[in-house]
Amino acid sequence: MQQDPFVILGVDKNATQAEIDEKYRELRHRYEDARFLEGEAGAEAAEKIEELDNAYSEAMRIKSESANIGGGFQDDSDFKGQDFSEVKEAIKNKNYHLAQGLLDAMQERSAEWHYMQAKIYYDKKWILDAKKQLELAIEMDPTNAKYTATLDRLKKESGRGFVFPTAGDSAGGRSYSPNSTPSCCNVCSTLLCADCCCECMGGDLIPCC
């Protein structure tokens, strides 16, 4: 039976984002150095860190669902600094045009600004662009557990073999993976293979070859 992630982290289910982040960092720090020890002590510390990471990700998912904000992105009402309340409300109402306009009007491009930009990109299914924005947020605030946990979730999602569109793709266009080949080459190679198979069976699909 899976243990309650909030119990593992030692916080209440109604704890704020800031409280969960603080407790997660505190617990994880206890085992950071110990995981490099040899033998059972190191193995136990590594196992504990993995348990904490999984518990934090699961707690974030639960908080996200309760706040009606999709994906691995979390609502952070405790953020101190720029006021993103209107942006969050626009995203919640799926008014991405308004949300983008509000972000563009802000002069300061803080770590949280990039996080909110990633939220918009994620909801628009521009996963690769969302990932880039999260990486920028982490660059500016590397100790923020919320950013790193969200990026980890996106990496898992984009690592399942799906091909995602980006903001640069034209409307109605398709996005290709780096290993994709032009369709004309695929057709030619398929025909040549078919011709070889036919010749082995006594036939000839392409007379000139």
Protein backbone atom coordinates (compact mmCIF):
# COMPACT_ATOMS: atom_id res chain seq x y z
CA MET A 1 0.00 0.00 0.00
CA GLN A 2 1.40 3.38 -1.03
CA GLN A 3 2.08 5.68 1.89
CA ASP A 4 0.55 9.14 2.00
CA PRO A 5 3.12 11.56 0.47
CA PHE A 6 2.21 14.24 3.00
CA VAL A 7 2.97 11.81 5.84
CA ILE A 8 6.37 10.99 4.31
CA LEU A 9 7.17 14.70 4.07
CA GLY A 10 5.82 15.35 7.58
CA VAL A 11 3.39 18.09 6.55
CA ASP A 12 -0.36 18.55 6.70
CA LYS A 13 -2.43 18.01 3.54
CA ASN A 14 -3.50 21.65 3.75
CA ALA A 15 0.09 22.91 4.03
CA THR A 16 1.03 25.79 1.77
CA GLN A 17 3.39 25.41 -1.17
CA ALA A 18 6.11 27.26 0.75
CA GLU A 19 5.74 24.94 3.77
CA ILE A 20 5.96 21.82 1.62
CA ASP A 21 9.00 23.16 -0.25
CA GLU A 22 10.79 24.05 2.99
CA LYS A 23 10.14 20.66 4.59
CA TYR A 24 11.16 18.78 1.44
CA ARG A 25 14.48 20.68 1.20
CA GLU A 26 15.13 20.16 4.92
CA LEU A 27 14.56 16.39 4.79
CA ARG A 28 16.44 15.90 1.55
CA HIS A 29 19.45 17.82 2.89
CA ARG A 30 19.77 15.32 5.75
CA TYR A 31 20.58 12.49 3.36
CA GLU A 32 22.49 14.36 0.63
CA ASP A 33 25.99 13.57 1.94
CA ALA A 34 25.12 10.17 3.42
CA ARG A 35 24.11 8.73 0.05
CA PHE A 36 27.77 8.72 -1.04
CA LEU A 37 28.81 6.52 1.88
CA GLU A 38 29.79 2.95 1.15
CA GLY A 39 27.68 -0.03 2.07
CA GLU A 40 24.25 -0.15 3.63
CA ALA A 41 24.34 3.41 5.01
CA GLY A 42 24.78 4.92 1.54
CA ALA A 43 22.12 2.65 0.04
CA GLU A 44 19.61 3.57 2.74
CA ALA A 45 20.25 7.29 2.26
CA ALA A 46 19.82 7.01 -1.52
CA GLU A 47 16.60 5.06 -1.00
CA LYS A 48 15.32 7.70 1.41
CA ILE A 49 16.08 10.50 -1.05
CA GLU A 50 14.20 8.64 -3.78
CA GLU A 51 11.25 8.19 -1.42
CA LEU A 52 11.26 11.92 -0.61
CA ASP A 53 11.48 12.88 -4.30
CA ASN A 54 8.56 10.61 -5.18
CA ALA A 55 6.54 11.87 -2.22
CA TYR A 56 7.18 15.49 -3.19
CA SER A 57 6.16 14.88 -6.82
CA GLU A 58 3.00 13.08 -5.70
CA ALA A 59 2.14 15.83 -3.21
CA MET A 60 2.58 18.40 -5.97
CA ARG A 61 0.30 16.41 -8.26
CA ILE A 62 -2.41 16.26 -5.59
CA LYS A 63 -2.09 19.98 -4.86
CA SER A 64 -2.24 20.71 -8.58
CA GLU A 65 -5.44 18.73 -9.10
CA SER A 66 -7.13 20.39 -6.13
CA ALA A 67 -6.23 23.80 -7.54
CA ASN A 68 -7.55 22.86 -11.01
CA ILE A 69 -4.24 23.70 -12.66
CA GLY A 70 -3.20 20.99 -15.11
CA GLY A 71 -0.01 19.04 -15.49
CA GLY A 72 2.81 19.18 -12.99
CA PHE A 73 2.45 22.93 -12.48
CA GLN A 74 1.59 24.20 -9.04
CA ASP A 75 -0.33 27.23 -7.87
CA ASP A 76 1.92 29.23 -5.56
CA SER A 77 -0.12 31.76 -3.62
CA ASP A 78 2.83 32.26 -1.27
CA PHE A 79 5.11 33.70 -3.94
CA LYS A 80 6.53 37.01 -2.80
CA GLY A 81 7.42 39.55 -5.47
CA GLN A 82 5.59 40.23 -8.70
CA ASP A 83 1.82 39.91 -8.67
CA PHE A 84 0.79 37.04 -10.94
CA SER A 85 -2.78 36.72 -9.63
CA GLU A 86 -4.35 38.04 -12.86
CA VAL A 87 -2.13 35.80 -14.97
CA LYS A 88 -3.12 32.76 -12.89
CA GLU A 89 -6.79 33.63 -13.16
CA ALA A 90 -6.52 33.99 -16.94
CA ILE A 91 -4.76 30.61 -17.21
CA LYS A 92 -7.37 28.99 -14.97
CA ASN A 93 -10.08 30.32 -17.31
CA LYS A 94 -8.06 29.11 -20.33
CA ASN A 95 -7.79 32.70 -21.59
CA TYR A 96 -4.21 32.24 -22.79
CA HIS A 97 -4.24 35.33 -25.00
CA LEU A 98 -4.95 37.52 -21.97
CA ALA A 99 -2.45 35.63 -19.81
CA GLN A 100 0.28 36.07 -22.42
CA GLY A 101 -0.52 39.76 -22.79
CA LEU A 102 -0.24 40.28 -19.03
CA LEU A 103 3.12 38.51 -18.95
CA ASP A 104 4.44 40.45 -21.94
CA ALA A 105 3.52 43.71 -20.22
CA MET A 106 5.75 42.92 -17.23
CA GLN A 107 9.20 44.49 -17.41
CA GLU A 108 10.87 42.11 -14.95
CA ARG A 109 11.61 38.63 -16.28
CA SER A 110 12.02 36.84 -12.95
CA ALA A 111 12.27 33.10 -12.35
CA GLU A 112 8.56 33.03 -11.50
CA TRP A 113 7.82 34.92 -14.74
CA HIS A 114 9.46 32.11 -16.72
CA TYR A 115 7.54 29.56 -14.64
CA MET A 116 4.24 31.22 -15.52
CA GLN A 117 5.29 31.37 -19.17
CA ALA A 118 5.98 27.64 -18.99
CA LYS A 119 2.46 27.12 -17.62
CA ILE A 120 0.95 28.83 -20.64
CA TYR A 121 3.11 26.85 -23.07
CA TYR A 122 2.27 23.59 -21.31
CA ASP A 123 -1.48 24.19 -21.49
CA LYS A 124 -1.10 24.99 -25.20
CA LYS A 125 0.73 21.65 -25.61
CA TRP A 126 4.02 23.36 -26.49
CA ILE A 127 5.91 21.00 -24.21
CA LEU A 128 9.43 21.69 -25.51
CA ASP A 129 8.96 25.45 -25.08
CA ALA A 130 7.56 24.89 -21.58
CA LYS A 131 10.65 22.84 -20.75
CA LYS A 132 12.98 25.63 -21.93
CA GLN A 133 11.16 28.19 -19.79
CA LEU A 134 11.43 25.94 -16.74
CA GLU A 135 15.15 25.54 -17.36
CA LEU A 136 15.48 29.35 -17.40
CA ALA A 137 13.53 29.57 -14.14
CA ILE A 138 15.84 27.01 -12.50
CA GLU A 139 18.90 28.85 -13.82
CA MET A 140 17.70 31.97 -12.00
CA ASP A 141 16.53 30.15 -8.86
CA PRO A 142 18.32 26.76 -8.65
CA THR A 143 17.13 26.00 -5.09
CA ASN A 144 13.43 26.24 -5.93
CA ALA A 145 12.04 22.73 -5.43
CA LYS A 146 8.81 23.59 -7.23
CA TYR A 147 10.63 24.40 -10.48
CA THR A 148 12.85 21.31 -10.42
CA ALA A 149 9.98 18.94 -9.59
CA THR A 150 7.88 20.35 -12.43
CA LEU A 151 10.76 20.03 -14.89
CA ASP A 152 11.31 16.42 -13.82
CA ARG A 153 7.67 15.65 -14.58
CA LEU A 154 7.92 17.27 -18.00
CA LYS A 155 11.09 15.34 -18.81
CA LYS A 156 9.32 12.09 -17.97
CA GLU A 157 6.39 13.13 -20.14
CA SER A 158 8.54 14.15 -23.11
CA GLY A 159 10.67 11.02 -22.71
CA ARG A 160 7.83 8.67 -23.57
CA GLY A 161 8.53 8.92 -27.28
CA PHE A 162 5.86 11.46 -28.19
CA VAL A 163 6.60 14.31 -30.61
CA PHE A 164 5.38 17.67 -29.39
CA PRO A 165 4.71 20.87 -31.35
CA THR A 166 6.43 24.10 -30.40
CA ALA A 167 5.48 27.76 -30.48
CA GLY A 168 7.46 28.11 -33.71
CA ASP A 169 5.39 25.57 -35.61
CA SER A 170 2.91 26.98 -38.09
CA ALA A 171 -0.79 26.60 -37.36
CA GLY A 172 -1.99 23.18 -38.32
CA GLY A 173 1.57 22.08 -39.03
CA ARG A 174 3.35 19.06 -37.69
CA SER A 175 6.40 18.71 -35.51
CA TYR A 176 9.06 16.11 -36.29
CA SER A 177 11.57 14.37 -34.12
CA PRO A 178 15.30 14.84 -34.82
CA ASN A 179 15.51 11.30 -36.17
CA SER A 180 12.69 11.67 -38.66
CA THR A 181 13.53 11.34 -42.38
CA PRO A 182 11.97 13.26 -45.28
CA SER A 183 8.92 11.44 -46.62
CA CYS A 184 10.24 11.23 -50.23
CA CYS A 185 13.32 9.32 -49.01
CA ASN A 186 11.10 6.96 -47.09
CA VAL A 187 9.04 6.26 -50.23
CA CYS A 188 12.12 5.61 -52.40
CA SER A 189 13.79 3.32 -49.88
CA THR A 190 10.54 1.39 -49.42
CA LEU A 191 10.15 0.90 -53.19
CA LEU A 192 13.75 -0.30 -53.57
CA CYS A 193 13.30 -2.81 -50.75
CA ALA A 194 10.06 -4.03 -52.32
CA ASP A 195 11.79 -4.40 -55.72
CA CYS A 196 14.56 -6.51 -54.18
CA CYS A 197 11.98 -8.75 -52.54
CA CYS A 198 10.11 -9.17 -55.83
CA GLU A 199 13.31 -10.07 -57.72
CA CYS A 200 14.10 -12.72 -55.12
CA MET A 201 10.70 -14.25 -55.85
CA GLY A 202 11.23 -14.11 -59.64
CA GLY A 203 9.34 -10.87 -60.26
CA ASP A 204 10.40 -7.28 -60.97
CA LEU A 205 8.62 -4.31 -59.42
CA ILE A 206 10.90 -1.67 -60.97
CA PRO A 207 12.08 -2.75 -64.47
CA CYS A 208 14.84 -0.14 -64.70
CA CYS A 209 16.57 -1.40 -61.51
